[in-house]
Protein backbone atom coordinates (compact mmCIF):
# COMPACT_ATOMS: atom_id res chain seq x y z
CA MET A 1 0.03 0.05 -0.01
CA LEU A 2 2.81 2.38 0.90
CA PHE A 3 4.63 1.52 -2.29
CA SER A 4 1.56 2.41 -4.33
CA VAL A 5 1.18 5.79 -2.62
CA GLU A 6 4.88 6.62 -2.94
CA THR A 7 4.85 5.65 -6.64
CA LEU A 8 1.77 7.72 -7.38
CA LYS A 9 2.78 10.85 -5.45
CA ASP A 10 4.66 12.39 -8.36
CA ALA A 11 1.57 12.17 -10.56
CA PHE A 12 -0.51 14.28 -8.09
CA ASP A 13 -0.32 17.84 -6.73
CA VAL A 14 1.16 18.14 -3.24
CA ILE A 15 -2.25 19.26 -1.82
CA ASP A 16 -3.89 16.08 -3.21
CA VAL A 17 -1.44 13.62 -1.62
CA PRO A 18 -3.56 13.13 1.60
CA LYS A 19 -6.62 12.37 -0.55
CA LEU A 20 -4.45 9.97 -2.56
CA GLU A 21 -3.27 8.17 0.64
CA GLU A 22 -6.85 7.94 1.90
CA GLU A 23 -8.18 6.54 -1.36
CA VAL A 24 -5.45 3.97 -1.83
CA SER A 25 -5.90 2.89 1.74
CA ARG A 26 -9.68 2.52 1.26
CA LEU A 27 -9.10 0.60 -1.97
CA PHE A 28 -6.77 -1.96 -0.40
CA ARG A 29 -9.12 -2.44 2.58
CA SER A 30 -12.15 -3.04 0.34
CA ASN A 31 -13.61 -6.51 -0.38
CA ALA A 32 -11.97 -6.54 -3.78
CA PHE A 33 -8.59 -7.14 -1.99
CA ASN A 34 -9.82 -8.86 1.15
CA MET A 35 -9.84 -12.57 0.16
CA THR A 36 -10.88 -13.76 3.60
CA GLU A 37 -13.97 -11.52 3.64
CA ARG A 38 -14.89 -12.54 0.08
CA ARG A 39 -14.53 -16.26 0.91
CA LEU A 40 -16.63 -15.98 4.09
CA HIS A 41 -19.31 -14.02 2.17
CA GLU A 42 -19.39 -16.66 -0.53
CA GLU A 43 -19.67 -19.53 2.01
CA GLU A 44 -22.50 -17.76 3.76
CA ARG A 45 -24.25 -17.25 0.42
CA ILE A 46 -23.85 -20.96 -0.42
CA LYS A 47 -25.34 -21.87 2.98
CA LEU A 48 -28.42 -19.75 2.16
CA TYR A 49 -28.66 -20.94 -1.43
CA PRO A 50 -27.29 -24.48 -1.80
CA GLN A 51 -28.10 -24.43 -5.54
CA LEU A 52 -25.06 -22.19 -5.98
CA GLN A 53 -22.76 -25.06 -4.96
CA ASP A 54 -20.87 -26.80 -7.73
CA LEU A 55 -21.93 -30.27 -8.58
CA PRO A 56 -19.41 -32.77 -7.14
CA GLY A 57 -18.06 -35.87 -8.91
CA LYS A 58 -18.65 -36.73 -12.52
CA PRO A 59 -19.34 -34.15 -15.17
CA PRO A 60 -23.03 -33.14 -15.11
CA SER A 61 -25.41 -34.09 -17.87
CA ASP A 62 -27.18 -31.51 -20.00
CA GLU A 63 -30.36 -31.98 -17.98
CA GLU A 64 -28.58 -31.43 -14.67
CA ILE A 65 -27.01 -28.27 -16.06
CA LYS A 66 -30.37 -26.90 -17.12
CA LYS A 67 -31.91 -27.63 -13.78
CA LYS A 68 -29.00 -25.97 -11.97
CA LEU A 69 -29.25 -22.87 -14.11
CA LEU A 70 -32.96 -22.56 -13.42
CA LEU A 71 -32.33 -22.86 -9.69
CA ARG A 72 -29.51 -20.34 -9.77
CA ALA A 73 -31.80 -17.84 -11.64
CA ARG A 74 -34.00 -17.69 -8.54
CA VAL A 75 -31.20 -16.52 -6.24
CA PRO A 76 -31.29 -12.78 -5.53
CA LYS A 77 -28.26 -10.81 -6.74
């Protein structure tokens, strides 16, 4: 995070550097970079909607894929 800020400082005015530091910090603390938070959120979502879980074992048949897609369409975004 510090490397990113130091690298970008030259591209911004001196008065904008605190804003830059704040935004880079916010970005790196967001869910996009927080793998643990994303994994926990996905696990919780799969508990609520088991149809999101991948089919284990052998490759699914066309009928199983169609059924799975219909069930997944019912899950809220």
